[in-house]
Every structure is written in structure tokens, then in C-alpha cells.
N, C-alpha and C. Protein backbone atom coordinates (compact mmCIF):
# COMPACT_ATOMS: atom_id res chain seq x y z
N MET A 1 110.60 70.92 125.11
CA MET A 1 109.28 70.73 125.86
C MET A 1 109.13 68.82 125.70
N GLN A 2 108.82 68.87 127.03
CA GLN A 2 108.55 67.16 127.24
C GLN A 2 107.74 66.85 126.55
N GLU A 3 107.35 65.14 125.95
CA GLU A 3 106.21 64.71 125.27
C GLU A 3 104.80 65.42 126.36
N ASP A 4 103.78 65.37 125.93
CA ASP A 4 102.80 65.34 126.23
C ASP A 4 102.33 66.89 127.38
N ALA A 5 103.70 67.60 127.50
CA ALA A 5 103.66 68.97 128.22
C ALA A 5 102.49 69.50 126.80
N MET A 6 102.15 70.44 128.13
CA MET A 6 101.66 71.67 127.89
C MET A 6 101.82 73.23 127.03
N ARG A 7 101.51 73.54 126.09
CA ARG A 7 102.27 74.53 125.14
C ARG A 7 101.80 75.68 125.75
N LEU A 8 102.07 77.03 126.22
CA LEU A 8 100.97 77.98 126.25
C LEU A 8 101.08 79.17 125.10
N ILE A 9 100.69 79.66 124.37
CA ILE A 9 100.94 80.36 123.26
C ILE A 9 99.88 81.71 123.96
N VAL A 10 100.76 82.63 124.19
CA VAL A 10 100.29 84.09 124.22
C VAL A 10 100.25 85.00 123.17
N GLY A 11 99.04 85.43 123.34
CA GLY A 11 99.05 86.94 122.57
C GLY A 11 99.01 87.91 123.71
N LEU A 12 99.66 89.19 123.08
CA LEU A 12 99.70 90.34 124.17
C LEU A 12 99.06 91.46 123.60
N GLY A 13 97.87 92.16 124.28
CA GLY A 13 96.97 93.34 123.44
C GLY A 13 95.98 93.62 124.75
N ASN A 14 95.76 94.39 124.80
CA ASN A 14 94.76 94.98 125.74
C ASN A 14 93.38 94.77 125.81
N PRO A 15 92.45 94.39 126.83
CA PRO A 15 91.58 93.59 126.78
C PRO A 15 90.30 95.32 126.46
N GLY A 16 89.35 94.69 125.69
CA GLY A 16 87.88 95.79 125.31
C GLY A 16 88.30 96.01 124.15
N ALA A 17 86.89 96.10 123.68
CA ALA A 17 86.58 96.86 122.61
C ALA A 17 87.39 97.93 121.69
N LYS A 18 87.73 98.96 122.62
CA LYS A 18 87.72 99.86 121.91
C LYS A 18 89.54 100.02 121.39
N TYR A 19 89.93 98.91 122.02
CA TYR A 19 91.47 98.18 121.76
C TYR A 19 91.77 97.76 120.59
N ALA A 20 90.52 97.02 120.13
CA ALA A 20 91.06 95.77 119.32
C ALA A 20 91.23 95.91 117.86
N GLY A 21 90.84 96.95 117.69
CA GLY A 21 91.90 96.84 116.28
C GLY A 21 93.14 97.73 116.30
N HIS A 22 93.85 98.20 117.58
CA HIS A 22 95.07 98.73 117.72
C HIS A 22 95.99 97.62 117.29
N ARG A 23 97.36 98.38 116.67
CA ARG A 23 98.52 97.76 116.61
C ARG A 23 98.89 96.92 117.55
N HIS A 24 99.01 97.80 119.00
CA HIS A 24 99.44 96.57 119.88
C HIS A 24 98.44 95.74 120.39
N ASN A 25 97.54 95.41 119.80
CA ASN A 25 96.65 94.45 119.74
C ASN A 25 96.89 93.16 119.36
N VAL A 26 98.03 93.08 118.04
CA VAL A 26 97.84 92.14 116.72
C VAL A 26 98.47 90.95 117.62
N GLY A 27 98.92 90.76 118.76
CA GLY A 27 98.92 89.18 119.20
C GLY A 27 97.66 89.05 119.87
N PHE A 28 96.61 89.52 120.32
CA PHE A 28 95.31 89.23 120.51
C PHE A 28 94.87 88.43 119.35
N MET A 29 95.20 88.94 118.02
CA MET A 29 94.39 89.28 117.05
C MET A 29 94.62 87.54 116.48
N ALA A 30 96.22 87.42 116.27
CA ALA A 30 96.97 86.12 116.13
C ALA A 30 95.93 85.01 116.55
N VAL A 31 96.07 85.10 117.95
CA VAL A 31 95.75 83.79 119.28
C VAL A 31 94.18 83.89 118.54
N ASP A 32 93.74 85.01 118.65
CA ASP A 32 92.04 84.57 117.93
C ASP A 32 91.92 83.88 116.27
N ARG A 33 93.05 84.13 115.85
CA ARG A 33 92.76 83.58 114.28
C ARG A 33 92.99 82.36 114.34
N ILE A 34 94.17 81.82 115.55
CA ILE A 34 94.38 80.39 115.68
C ILE A 34 93.27 79.49 116.35
N ALA A 35 92.73 80.02 117.06
CA ALA A 35 91.75 79.50 117.76
C ALA A 35 90.19 79.57 116.89
N ALA A 36 90.00 80.32 115.81
CA ALA A 36 88.73 80.16 115.06
C ALA A 36 89.11 79.14 114.56
N ASP A 37 90.27 79.17 113.52
CA ASP A 37 90.82 78.15 112.20
C ASP A 37 91.36 76.51 112.84
N HIS A 38 91.38 76.47 113.88
CA HIS A 38 91.92 75.34 115.12
C HIS A 38 90.80 74.50 115.32
N GLY A 39 89.71 75.50 115.67
CA GLY A 39 88.16 74.78 116.33
C GLY A 39 88.46 74.32 118.02
N PHE A 40 89.18 75.52 118.46
CA PHE A 40 89.43 75.52 119.77
C PHE A 40 87.96 76.12 120.59
N PRO A 41 87.81 75.53 121.22
CA PRO A 41 85.92 75.99 122.06
C PRO A 41 86.53 77.49 122.65
N PRO A 42 85.13 78.07 122.93
CA PRO A 42 85.22 79.65 123.05
C PRO A 42 86.27 79.82 124.11
N PHE A 43 86.49 81.18 124.05
CA PHE A 43 87.58 81.81 125.48
C PHE A 43 87.00 81.74 126.37
N ARG A 44 87.01 81.55 127.86
CA ARG A 44 86.79 81.81 128.86
C ARG A 44 87.64 82.38 130.08
N ALA A 45 87.11 83.08 131.09
CA ALA A 45 87.50 84.02 131.97
C ALA A 45 88.63 82.86 132.61
N ARG A 46 89.69 83.21 132.99
CA ARG A 46 90.90 82.07 133.54
C ARG A 46 92.24 83.08 133.76
N PHE A 47 93.06 82.69 135.08
CA PHE A 47 94.08 83.51 135.16
C PHE A 47 94.41 85.04 134.22
N GLN A 48 93.24 85.95 135.55
CA GLN A 48 93.47 87.63 135.12
C GLN A 48 93.19 87.46 133.46
N GLY A 49 92.42 86.85 132.89
CA GLY A 49 92.56 86.93 131.15
C GLY A 49 91.40 85.78 130.72
N GLU A 50 91.67 85.74 129.36
CA GLU A 50 90.82 84.84 128.92
C GLU A 50 91.45 83.41 128.37
N ILE A 51 90.92 82.26 128.40
CA ILE A 51 92.05 80.91 128.15
C ILE A 51 91.29 79.94 127.32
N SER A 52 91.42 79.54 126.27
CA SER A 52 90.80 78.41 125.41
C SER A 52 92.05 77.05 125.11
N GLU A 53 91.57 76.22 125.13
CA GLU A 53 92.38 74.77 125.53
C GLU A 53 91.85 74.06 124.46
N GLY A 54 93.03 73.12 123.73
CA GLY A 54 92.85 72.68 122.42
C GLY A 54 93.89 71.76 121.81
N ARG A 55 94.53 71.39 120.46
CA ARG A 55 95.20 71.04 120.29
C ARG A 55 95.55 71.71 118.75
N LEU A 56 97.13 71.67 118.81
CA LEU A 56 97.62 71.82 117.58
C LEU A 56 98.18 70.44 117.40
N GLY A 57 97.80 70.01 115.76
CA GLY A 57 98.68 68.95 115.62
C GLY A 57 98.47 67.76 117.04
N GLU A 58 100.11 67.16 117.30
CA GLU A 58 99.94 66.47 118.64
C GLU A 58 100.23 67.51 119.91
N ALA A 59 100.29 68.30 119.84
CA ALA A 59 100.78 69.04 120.87
C ALA A 59 99.21 69.54 121.71
N LYS A 60 99.38 69.53 123.22
CA LYS A 60 98.32 70.16 124.17
C LYS A 60 98.47 71.97 124.17
N VAL A 61 97.76 72.44 123.57
CA VAL A 61 97.89 74.39 123.91
C VAL A 61 96.76 74.62 124.78
N ALA A 62 96.96 75.72 125.17
CA ALA A 62 96.64 76.64 126.25
C ALA A 62 96.45 77.80 125.82
N LEU A 63 95.68 78.49 125.16
CA LEU A 63 95.93 79.90 124.06
C LEU A 63 95.50 80.93 125.27
N LEU A 64 96.31 82.20 125.53
CA LEU A 64 96.11 83.15 126.66
C LEU A 64 95.98 84.60 126.19
N LYS A 65 94.94 85.06 126.27
CA LYS A 65 94.96 86.41 126.44
C LYS A 65 95.25 87.24 127.67
N PRO A 66 95.59 87.69 127.93
CA PRO A 66 95.73 88.49 129.52
C PRO A 66 95.12 89.39 129.24
N GLY A 67 94.16 89.72 130.63
CA GLY A 67 93.10 90.49 130.87
C GLY A 67 93.44 92.06 131.66
N THR A 68 94.90 92.12 132.08
CA THR A 68 95.61 92.59 132.85
C THR A 68 95.93 94.25 132.25
N PHE A 69 95.70 94.03 130.94
CA PHE A 69 96.59 95.11 130.17
C PHE A 69 97.62 95.00 129.94
N MET A 70 98.33 95.74 128.83
CA MET A 70 99.74 95.56 128.41
C MET A 70 100.90 95.26 129.37
N ASN A 71 100.57 96.54 130.20
CA ASN A 71 102.04 96.26 131.15
C ASN A 71 101.97 95.85 132.51
N LEU A 72 100.97 94.81 132.93
CA LEU A 72 100.67 93.71 133.56
C LEU A 72 100.90 92.42 133.27
N SER A 73 101.02 92.00 131.69
CA SER A 73 100.65 90.90 131.20
C SER A 73 100.93 89.87 132.20
N GLY A 74 102.44 89.94 132.66
CA GLY A 74 103.47 89.28 133.20
C GLY A 74 102.42 88.76 134.35
N GLN A 75 101.63 89.10 134.87
CA GLN A 75 100.67 88.59 136.11
C GLN A 75 99.54 87.42 135.35
N SER A 76 99.16 87.71 134.74
CA SER A 76 98.67 86.61 133.68
C SER A 76 99.24 85.53 133.76
N VAL A 77 99.98 85.77 132.61
CA VAL A 77 100.83 84.44 132.26
C VAL A 77 101.74 83.90 133.23
N GLY A 78 102.23 84.61 133.90
CA GLY A 78 102.93 84.06 135.04
C GLY A 78 101.75 82.84 135.99
N GLU A 79 100.34 83.23 136.27
CA GLU A 79 99.63 82.24 136.89
C GLU A 79 99.20 81.16 136.57
N ALA A 80 99.16 81.18 135.11
CA ALA A 80 98.91 79.96 133.51
C ALA A 80 100.02 79.21 134.37
N ALA A 81 101.33 79.64 133.95
CA ALA A 81 102.17 79.37 133.88
C ALA A 81 102.52 77.80 135.05
N ARG A 82 102.26 79.05 136.11
CA ARG A 82 102.24 78.18 137.44
C ARG A 82 101.42 76.80 137.60
N PHE A 83 100.12 77.30 137.61
CA PHE A 83 99.02 76.37 136.99
C PHE A 83 99.15 75.16 136.59
N PHE A 84 99.56 75.33 135.34
CA PHE A 84 100.46 74.23 134.15
C PHE A 84 101.73 73.61 134.59
N LYS A 85 102.31 74.48 135.34
CA LYS A 85 103.50 73.66 135.80
C LYS A 85 104.70 74.18 134.64
N LEU A 86 104.90 75.17 134.50
CA LEU A 86 105.28 75.37 132.69
C LEU A 86 107.20 76.23 133.01
N ASP A 87 107.80 75.77 132.25
CA ASP A 87 109.21 76.59 132.25
C ASP A 87 109.08 77.42 131.02
N PRO A 88 109.93 78.69 130.88
CA PRO A 88 109.43 79.78 130.18
C PRO A 88 109.47 79.23 129.01
N ALA A 89 110.44 77.57 128.91
CA ALA A 89 110.43 76.90 127.79
C ALA A 89 109.26 76.25 126.74
N ASP A 90 108.42 76.50 127.68
CA ASP A 90 107.02 76.00 127.10
C ASP A 90 106.04 77.09 126.54
N ILE A 91 106.76 77.89 126.76
CA ILE A 91 105.60 79.14 126.46
C ILE A 91 106.39 80.43 124.93
N VAL A 92 105.36 80.40 124.44
CA VAL A 92 105.51 81.66 123.17
C VAL A 92 104.76 82.95 123.09
N VAL A 93 105.58 83.77 122.82
CA VAL A 93 104.34 85.08 123.17
C VAL A 93 104.62 85.41 121.91
N LEU A 94 103.20 85.88 121.37
CA LEU A 94 103.21 86.67 120.36
C LEU A 94 102.80 88.04 120.40
N HIS A 95 103.45 89.24 120.00
CA HIS A 95 103.73 90.80 120.24
C HIS A 95 103.65 91.56 119.54
N ASP A 96 103.46 92.37 119.09
CA ASP A 96 103.90 93.56 117.95
C ASP A 96 105.32 94.06 118.14
N GLU A 97 105.77 94.61 116.95
CA GLU A 97 107.44 94.73 116.97
C GLU A 97 107.41 95.81 115.97
N ILE A 98 108.05 97.21 116.59
CA ILE A 98 107.80 98.17 115.93
C ILE A 98 109.48 98.00 115.21
N ASP A 99 110.21 97.46 115.33
CA ASP A 99 111.28 97.36 114.72
C ASP A 99 111.45 96.40 113.13
N LEU A 100 110.28 95.99 113.12
CA LEU A 100 110.14 95.42 111.88
C LEU A 100 109.21 95.99 110.79
N ALA A 101 109.36 95.56 109.57
CA ALA A 101 108.08 96.35 108.64
C ALA A 101 107.47 95.93 108.92
N PRO A 102 105.90 96.27 108.74
CA PRO A 102 104.57 95.77 108.76
C PRO A 102 104.46 94.60 107.83
N GLY A 103 103.69 93.46 108.15
CA GLY A 103 103.93 92.36 107.49
C GLY A 103 105.27 91.56 107.76
N LYS A 104 106.11 91.71 108.16
CA LYS A 104 107.43 90.99 108.69
C LYS A 104 107.33 90.37 109.75
N LEU A 105 107.94 89.17 110.06
CA LEU A 105 107.83 88.70 110.94
C LEU A 105 108.93 87.62 111.32
N LYS A 106 109.54 87.73 112.98
CA LYS A 106 110.67 86.47 113.11
C LYS A 106 110.47 85.98 114.70
N THR A 107 110.65 85.15 114.62
CA THR A 107 110.85 84.39 115.73
C THR A 107 112.24 84.67 116.74
N LYS A 108 112.28 84.18 118.25
CA LYS A 108 113.31 84.66 118.60
C LYS A 108 113.22 84.11 119.99
N THR A 109 114.06 83.69 120.82
CA THR A 109 113.99 83.16 121.92
C THR A 109 114.88 83.81 123.14
N GLY A 110 114.39 83.99 124.39
CA GLY A 110 115.09 85.42 124.91
C GLY A 110 115.38 86.96 124.75
N GLY A 111 115.97 87.49 125.00
CA GLY A 111 116.41 88.91 124.54
C GLY A 111 115.89 89.95 125.79
N GLY A 112 116.03 91.30 124.82
CA GLY A 112 115.78 91.91 125.96
C GLY A 112 114.44 92.65 125.55
N HIS A 113 113.55 93.45 126.44
CA HIS A 113 112.36 94.03 125.96
C HIS A 113 111.90 95.11 125.56
N ALA A 114 113.16 95.81 125.19
CA ALA A 114 113.27 96.68 123.93
C ALA A 114 112.02 97.62 124.28
N GLY A 115 111.60 98.28 125.65
CA GLY A 115 111.02 99.10 126.21
C GLY A 115 109.66 98.45 125.57
N HIS A 116 109.23 97.39 125.19
CA HIS A 116 107.72 97.06 125.22
C HIS A 116 107.30 96.09 126.51
N ASN A 117 106.23 97.19 126.95
CA ASN A 117 105.63 97.15 128.33
C ASN A 117 105.35 95.47 128.78
N GLY A 118 104.71 94.99 127.50
CA GLY A 118 104.24 93.75 128.13
C GLY A 118 105.42 92.66 128.15
N LEU A 119 105.94 93.03 127.63
CA LEU A 119 107.69 91.95 127.56
C LEU A 119 108.49 92.65 128.69
N ARG A 120 108.07 93.61 129.07
CA ARG A 120 108.79 94.31 129.97
C ARG A 120 108.54 93.42 131.49
N SER A 121 106.82 93.08 131.45
CA SER A 121 106.22 92.52 132.77
C SER A 121 106.36 91.06 132.53
N LEU A 122 106.45 90.71 131.61
CA LEU A 122 106.77 89.45 131.45
C LEU A 122 107.94 88.80 132.01
N HIS A 123 108.97 89.80 131.74
CA HIS A 123 110.31 89.45 132.00
C HIS A 123 110.56 89.66 134.16
N GLN A 124 109.67 90.58 134.30
CA GLN A 124 109.65 90.46 135.94
C GLN A 124 109.10 89.38 136.31
N HIS A 125 108.30 88.65 135.73
CA HIS A 125 107.33 87.21 136.37
C HIS A 125 107.79 86.30 135.91
N LEU A 126 108.42 86.32 134.51
CA LEU A 126 108.81 84.77 134.24
C LEU A 126 110.68 84.98 133.63
N GLY A 127 110.91 85.99 133.81
CA GLY A 127 112.47 85.87 133.32
C GLY A 127 112.16 86.20 131.22
N PRO A 128 113.40 86.29 131.15
CA PRO A 128 113.37 86.62 129.54
C PRO A 128 113.94 85.41 128.63
N ASP A 129 113.49 83.79 129.00
CA ASP A 129 113.50 83.41 128.14
C ASP A 129 112.47 82.21 127.44
N CYS A 130 111.80 83.19 127.59
CA CYS A 130 109.97 82.74 126.51
C CYS A 130 110.47 82.56 125.18
N ALA A 131 109.83 81.90 124.40
CA ALA A 131 109.90 82.04 122.29
C ALA A 131 109.33 83.26 122.33
N ARG A 132 109.29 83.92 121.35
CA ARG A 132 108.61 84.87 120.84
C ARG A 132 108.63 85.31 119.36
N VAL A 133 107.15 85.47 119.59
CA VAL A 133 107.22 85.87 118.04
C VAL A 133 106.63 86.99 117.59
N ARG A 134 107.95 87.95 116.82
CA ARG A 134 107.68 89.17 116.98
C ARG A 134 106.90 89.54 115.48
N ILE A 135 105.84 90.21 115.69
CA ILE A 135 104.86 90.93 114.69
C ILE A 135 105.30 92.52 114.38
N GLY A 136 105.77 92.15 112.72
CA GLY A 136 106.20 93.75 112.32
C GLY A 136 105.01 94.66 111.99
N VAL A 137 105.05 96.03 112.88
CA VAL A 137 103.85 96.92 112.67
C VAL A 137 104.28 98.14 111.85
N GLY A 138 105.88 98.28 111.80
CA GLY A 138 106.22 99.12 111.46
C GLY A 138 106.52 100.28 112.66
N HIS A 139 107.12 101.48 112.14
CA HIS A 139 107.61 102.20 113.42
C HIS A 139 107.24 103.99 112.80
N PRO A 140 106.60 104.32 113.54
CA PRO A 140 105.74 105.82 112.88
C PRO A 140 107.46 106.71 112.38
N GLY A 141 108.67 106.56 112.49
CA GLY A 141 109.55 107.02 112.30
C GLY A 141 110.25 108.06 113.87
N HIS A 142 109.52 108.90 114.45
CA HIS A 142 110.50 109.33 115.99
C HIS A 142 109.76 108.65 117.18
N LYS A 143 110.82 108.48 118.13
CA LYS A 143 110.36 107.65 119.00
C LYS A 143 109.48 108.34 120.24
N ASP A 144 109.14 109.63 120.20
CA ASP A 144 107.99 109.96 121.11
C ASP A 144 106.56 109.95 120.39
N ALA A 145 106.70 109.45 118.79
CA ALA A 145 104.99 109.15 118.34
C ALA A 145 104.78 108.02 118.81
N VAL A 146 105.78 106.72 119.44
CA VAL A 146 105.35 105.48 119.47
C VAL A 146 103.75 104.93 119.70
N PRO A 147 104.02 105.51 121.17
CA PRO A 147 102.88 105.47 121.82
C PRO A 147 101.10 105.25 121.37
N GLY A 148 101.38 106.41 120.77
CA GLY A 148 100.17 107.31 119.65
C GLY A 148 100.12 106.37 118.28
N TYR A 149 101.18 105.63 117.90
CA TYR A 149 101.10 104.93 116.72
C TYR A 149 100.67 103.75 117.66
N VAL A 150 101.34 102.92 117.67
CA VAL A 150 100.86 101.26 118.63
C VAL A 150 99.36 101.55 118.91
N LEU A 151 99.13 102.55 120.10
CA LEU A 151 97.85 102.13 120.28
C LEU A 151 96.40 103.17 119.96
N HIS A 152 96.40 102.76 118.58
CA HIS A 152 95.69 103.23 117.38
C HIS A 152 95.43 102.01 116.37
N ASP A 153 94.24 102.09 115.77
CA ASP A 153 94.01 101.11 114.64
C ASP A 153 94.96 101.15 113.62
N PHE A 154 95.06 99.56 113.30
CA PHE A 154 95.73 99.35 112.06
C PHE A 154 95.01 100.66 110.31
N ALA A 155 95.79 101.04 109.84
CA ALA A 155 94.92 101.76 108.55
C ALA A 155 94.15 100.80 107.80
N LYS A 156 93.43 101.29 106.97
CA LYS A 156 92.68 100.34 105.92
C LYS A 156 93.72 99.83 105.14
N ALA A 157 94.39 100.38 104.81
CA ALA A 157 95.47 99.79 103.50
C ALA A 157 96.29 98.70 104.38
N ASP A 158 96.41 98.80 105.24
CA ASP A 158 96.95 97.60 106.39
C ASP A 158 96.10 96.47 105.59
N ALA A 159 94.84 96.26 105.76
CA ALA A 159 93.91 94.92 105.69
C ALA A 159 94.39 94.11 105.47
N ASP A 160 94.50 94.22 104.02
CA ASP A 160 95.51 92.94 103.16
C ASP A 160 96.68 91.72 103.54
N TRP A 161 97.55 93.38 103.37
CA TRP A 161 98.61 92.04 104.21
C TRP A 161 98.89 91.23 105.72
N LEU A 162 97.48 92.17 106.69
CA LEU A 162 97.45 92.02 107.83
C LEU A 162 96.68 90.54 107.92
N ASP A 163 95.71 90.37 107.04
CA ASP A 163 94.56 88.98 106.86
C ASP A 163 95.40 88.28 106.68
N ASN A 164 96.83 88.15 105.55
CA ASN A 164 97.66 87.15 105.12
C ASN A 164 98.39 86.82 106.46
N LEU A 165 99.09 88.00 107.15
CA LEU A 165 100.11 87.16 107.77
C LEU A 165 99.45 86.48 109.07
N LEU A 166 97.97 87.12 109.65
CA LEU A 166 97.27 86.01 110.49
C LEU A 166 96.65 84.88 110.26
N ARG A 167 96.74 84.67 108.90
CA ARG A 167 96.36 83.59 108.50
C ARG A 167 97.62 82.44 108.16
N GLY A 168 98.92 83.25 107.93
CA GLY A 168 99.71 82.40 107.80
C GLY A 168 100.51 82.28 109.19
N ILE A 169 100.15 82.78 110.15
CA ILE A 169 100.26 82.15 111.92
C ILE A 169 100.00 81.07 111.99
N SER A 170 98.36 81.50 111.42
CA SER A 170 97.55 80.23 111.82
C SER A 170 98.16 79.14 110.99
N ASP A 171 98.16 79.07 109.53
CA ASP A 171 98.60 78.09 109.22
C ASP A 171 100.22 77.32 110.04
N GLY A 172 100.69 78.09 110.53
CA GLY A 172 102.43 77.41 110.98
C GLY A 172 102.05 77.18 112.61
N ALA A 173 100.96 77.52 113.14
CA ALA A 173 100.50 77.45 114.05
C ALA A 173 100.96 75.86 114.89
N PRO A 174 100.60 74.61 114.05
CA PRO A 174 101.22 73.19 114.62
C PRO A 174 102.53 73.51 114.82
N ALA A 175 103.19 73.69 113.76
CA ALA A 175 104.70 73.75 113.85
C ALA A 175 105.07 74.97 114.94
N LEU A 176 104.46 75.89 115.63
CA LEU A 176 104.76 76.51 116.29
C LEU A 176 104.80 75.97 117.93
N ALA A 177 103.65 74.96 117.79
CA ALA A 177 103.13 74.61 119.03
C ALA A 177 104.50 73.28 119.55
N ALA A 178 105.33 73.34 117.97
CA ALA A 178 105.50 71.66 118.04
C ALA A 178 107.28 72.08 118.36
N GLY A 179 107.61 73.63 118.74
CA GLY A 179 109.08 73.96 118.77
C GLY A 179 109.70 74.40 117.54
N ASP A 180 108.77 73.50 116.44
CA ASP A 180 109.51 74.04 115.00
C ASP A 180 109.78 75.31 114.31
N PHE A 181 110.22 76.07 115.03
CA PHE A 181 110.08 77.78 114.31
C PHE A 181 110.35 78.22 113.06
N ALA A 182 111.45 77.14 112.39
CA ALA A 182 111.74 76.94 110.93
C ALA A 182 110.47 76.63 110.08
N ALA A 183 110.06 76.23 110.56
CA ALA A 183 108.57 75.66 109.50
C ALA A 183 107.38 76.48 109.99
N PHE A 184 107.44 76.79 111.27
CA PHE A 184 106.48 77.65 111.30
C PHE A 184 106.69 78.64 110.21
N THR A 185 107.91 79.47 110.41
CA THR A 185 108.33 80.84 109.51
C THR A 185 108.22 80.49 108.03
N ASN A 186 108.16 78.67 107.75
CA ASN A 186 108.36 79.06 106.09
C ASN A 186 106.43 78.76 105.88
N ALA A 187 106.06 78.50 106.61
CA ALA A 187 104.04 78.52 106.64
C ALA A 187 103.96 80.09 106.48
N VAL A 188 104.12 81.05 107.57
CA VAL A 188 103.99 82.46 107.36
C VAL A 188 104.53 82.92 106.03
N GLY A 189 105.43 82.57 105.24
CA GLY A 189 106.12 83.10 104.47
C GLY A 189 104.92 82.44 103.18
N LEU A 190 104.68 81.10 102.90
CA LEU A 190 104.17 80.94 101.90
C LEU A 190 102.85 81.89 101.68
N ARG A 191 102.11 82.27 102.95
CA ARG A 191 101.15 83.14 102.92
C ARG A 191 101.61 84.50 102.32
N THR A 192 102.55 84.97 102.58
CA THR A 192 103.18 86.29 102.60
C THR A 192 104.04 86.61 101.33
N ALA A 193 104.63 85.90 101.12
CA ALA A 193 105.23 86.43 99.12
C ALA A 193 104.36 86.79 98.45
N ALA A 194 105.28 87.63 98.24
CA ALA A 194 104.52 88.40 96.91
C ALA A 194 104.27 87.38 95.85
N PRO A 195 102.71 87.39 95.33
CA PRO A 195 102.79 86.92 94.03
C PRO A 195 103.84 87.19 92.92
N ARG A 196 104.27 86.06 92.55
CA ARG A 196 104.94 86.05 91.20
C ARG A 196 104.09 86.73 90.01
N VAL A 197 104.41 87.66 89.12
CA VAL A 197 104.30 88.44 88.36
C VAL A 197 104.75 87.72 86.97
N GLU A 198 104.10 87.16 85.86
CA GLU A 198 104.97 86.95 84.53
C GLU A 198 104.80 88.28 83.84
N ARG A 199 106.37 88.20 83.89
CA ARG A 199 106.97 89.55 82.78
C ARG A 199 106.70 89.19 81.21
N PRO A 200 106.02 90.22 80.54
CA PRO A 200 105.50 90.26 79.65
C PRO A 200 107.04 89.80 78.38
N GLN A 201 107.01 89.16 77.66
CA GLN A 201 107.96 89.04 76.73
C GLN A 201 108.48 90.21 76.09
N THR A 202 109.88 90.64 76.43
CA THR A 202 110.19 91.56 75.31
C THR A 202 110.34 91.35 73.93
N PRO A 203 110.43 92.41 72.97
CA PRO A 203 109.72 92.30 71.79
C PRO A 203 111.44 92.39 71.36
N PRO A 204 111.89 91.32 70.00
CA PRO A 204 113.06 92.05 69.56
C PRO A 204 113.38 92.88 69.13
N ARG A 205 114.90 93.31 69.59
CA ARG A 205 115.33 94.68 69.26
C ARG A 205 115.54 94.95 67.78
N SER A 206 115.58 95.89 66.54
CA SER A 206 115.61 95.93 65.58
C SER A 206 116.93 95.51 65.20
N SER A 207 117.86 95.24 66.04
CA SER A 207 119.17 94.59 64.98
C SER A 207 118.94 92.72 65.18
N GLU A 208 117.46 92.67 66.18
CA GLU A 208 117.81 91.22 66.45
C GLU A 208 116.61 90.54 64.97
N MET A 209 115.95 91.47 64.41
CA MET A 209 114.92 91.46 63.65
C MET A 209 115.04 90.59 62.21
N PRO A 210 114.48 89.78 61.62
CA PRO A 210 115.01 89.00 60.70
C PRO A 210 115.09 90.01 59.63
N GLU A 211 115.90 89.63 58.32
CA GLU A 211 115.99 90.17 57.44
C GLU A 211 114.71 90.08 56.64
N PRO A 212 114.70 91.39 55.51
CA PRO A 212 113.43 91.06 54.53
C PRO A 212 113.84 89.96 53.69
N ALA A 213 112.53 89.10 53.13
CA ALA A 213 113.25 88.21 52.24
C ALA A 213 113.25 89.55 50.46
N PRO A 214 114.52 88.78 49.69
CA PRO A 214 114.32 89.93 48.57
C PRO A 214 113.25 89.79 47.10
N ASP A 215 112.89 91.13 47.64
CA ASP A 215 112.19 91.20 46.21
C ASP A 215 112.60 90.76 44.73
N THR A 216 111.91 89.64 44.26
CA THR A 216 112.63 88.82 42.84
C THR A 216 111.41 89.18 41.61
N ARG A 217 110.75 90.09 42.04
CA ARG A 217 109.53 90.57 40.86
C ARG A 217 110.62 91.35 40.31
N SER A 218 110.03 91.55 38.49
CA SER A 218 110.17 92.37 38.02
C SER A 218 109.58 93.57 37.70
N ALA A 219 110.28 94.86 37.43
CA ALA A 219 109.44 95.94 37.54
C ALA A 219 108.18 96.29 37.09
N LEU A 220 107.93 95.70 35.87
CA LEU A 220 106.82 95.38 35.32
C LEU A 220 105.71 94.37 36.03
N GLN A 221 106.35 93.57 37.17
CA GLN A 221 105.50 93.18 38.27
C GLN A 221 105.12 94.10 39.03
N ARG A 222 105.85 94.43 39.29
CA ARG A 222 105.76 95.76 40.72
C ARG A 222 104.82 96.57 40.02
N LEU A 223 104.91 96.75 39.56
CA LEU A 223 103.93 97.77 38.96
C LEU A 223 102.65 97.55 38.70
N ALA A 224 102.34 96.20 38.34
CA ALA A 224 101.04 96.01 38.26
C ALA A 224 100.40 95.44 39.20
N ASP A 225 101.55 95.02 40.54
CA ASP A 225 100.62 94.44 41.67
C ASP A 225 100.54 96.00 42.26
N ARG A 226 101.24 97.23 42.38
CA ARG A 226 100.45 98.03 42.73
C ARG A 226 99.20 98.53 42.31
N PHE A 227 98.79 98.32 41.27
CA PHE A 227 96.95 98.64 40.92
C PHE A 227 96.48 97.63 40.93
N ARG A 228 97.05 96.47 41.24
CA ARG A 228 95.46 94.99 41.65
C ARG A 228 94.33 95.89 43.07
């Protein structure tokens, strides 16, 4: 990315309150968390979606949530990219990933869309070379169950890891905007790593127990001690 160029960070999802808690909308959730934590102004309608502009570290950033529904995301992103005169290398897309376990995250540049309708649309409008943040939501176990799985709210049991993951993405957002994906991933890891549990000390085995001191009392003393 050229110095002083705009970085476009896109969260994929479906617009509307009925979709807000869906696994498919985790990209929207991540962008909303970045905006809230880093003091971005309220989103406003533009580019067939909602956008907010601010700074992450030294980088000028536009956060975009396409309003075209998932399978037409490329229309909105393409329009914004043309307006800001951006190359695919200046765009980062955050999206749900069923091939990663819940709470796992990986970055990637380019590659196939693997049937993800949002990525498929982006490929049609911008090509495959955008950077991506793949946010793991898990797999339902059978490909026929995938649509109903991703178009369903996260379970209550997911709340803790999801909150930690979104916080981690927000923590690492300045690194993401700077194109430092290793630092971004490290920031996420600091939030999502399981806390270390101190293991209790194992008592010594009987073979390691100290030998009792020899009893040097006389028989008369031992008898007297019993009745004290």
C-alpha cells in the first residue's frame, strides 16, 4: 500500500436486524467492534452499503459493510474501490469461515472462494487478490447443513470466545491496516489464548517420603508417654 493511501476494510454479512446475530455476519460484527473501539464516526449510507472513515494508527481507513446482501457484496465493494482508486492489495475482507474451528482465525491473500457467496461476488468484481481475514465459525458436519448453520444465530455458549475474538481483531486493527498480518495475528492470539492454569504440586510418592526418625526412647518411657 502506498504511503497515505486509503485502506478499505470490508466486513461481509447481510443487512437487517434479523441477520445481525448470524454466523454469516461475523464480518459485520468485527467491523462494528473496530469502529466502536477506535472512535470512528457513525456509519452512513454510501456505496450501496454503510461506511465510516477514520484512522487506525498511521493509516487512513474506510470501514465498509455492504448493504447488497452477501451474494452481491462485490457490487458495493467494487463501487467503493473505484471511488477511492484502490487496488485489491489495498482491500482487506473479514468473513466467516466454516473450515476453521470456532474462535480460530487466519489471514490469507488471494485463493479460491470455496463456495462462499460473498467471496464469489468479490472475485467477479475485483478478482481474487484481496487480503482476507478468515474468522472460524465451525462446520455443521455435512455440506447440506451449511446454509442453515451459517444463517443462524451464534449459540449462547459461543458468547465468550466470540467476544474475545472480536476484541482481538479490534486490538490488531492498526496492524491490519498497516499490512502487518503477523502482528495482527499476534494481537488476536493475546486475546484468545487460553489462560494458563497453575497445576497443583504433586505430593511426593511414598518411595520419596522421608524416613521417620528412629525412636530412641526406652520401653519404660514409651509406656509412660502413652498414658500422659
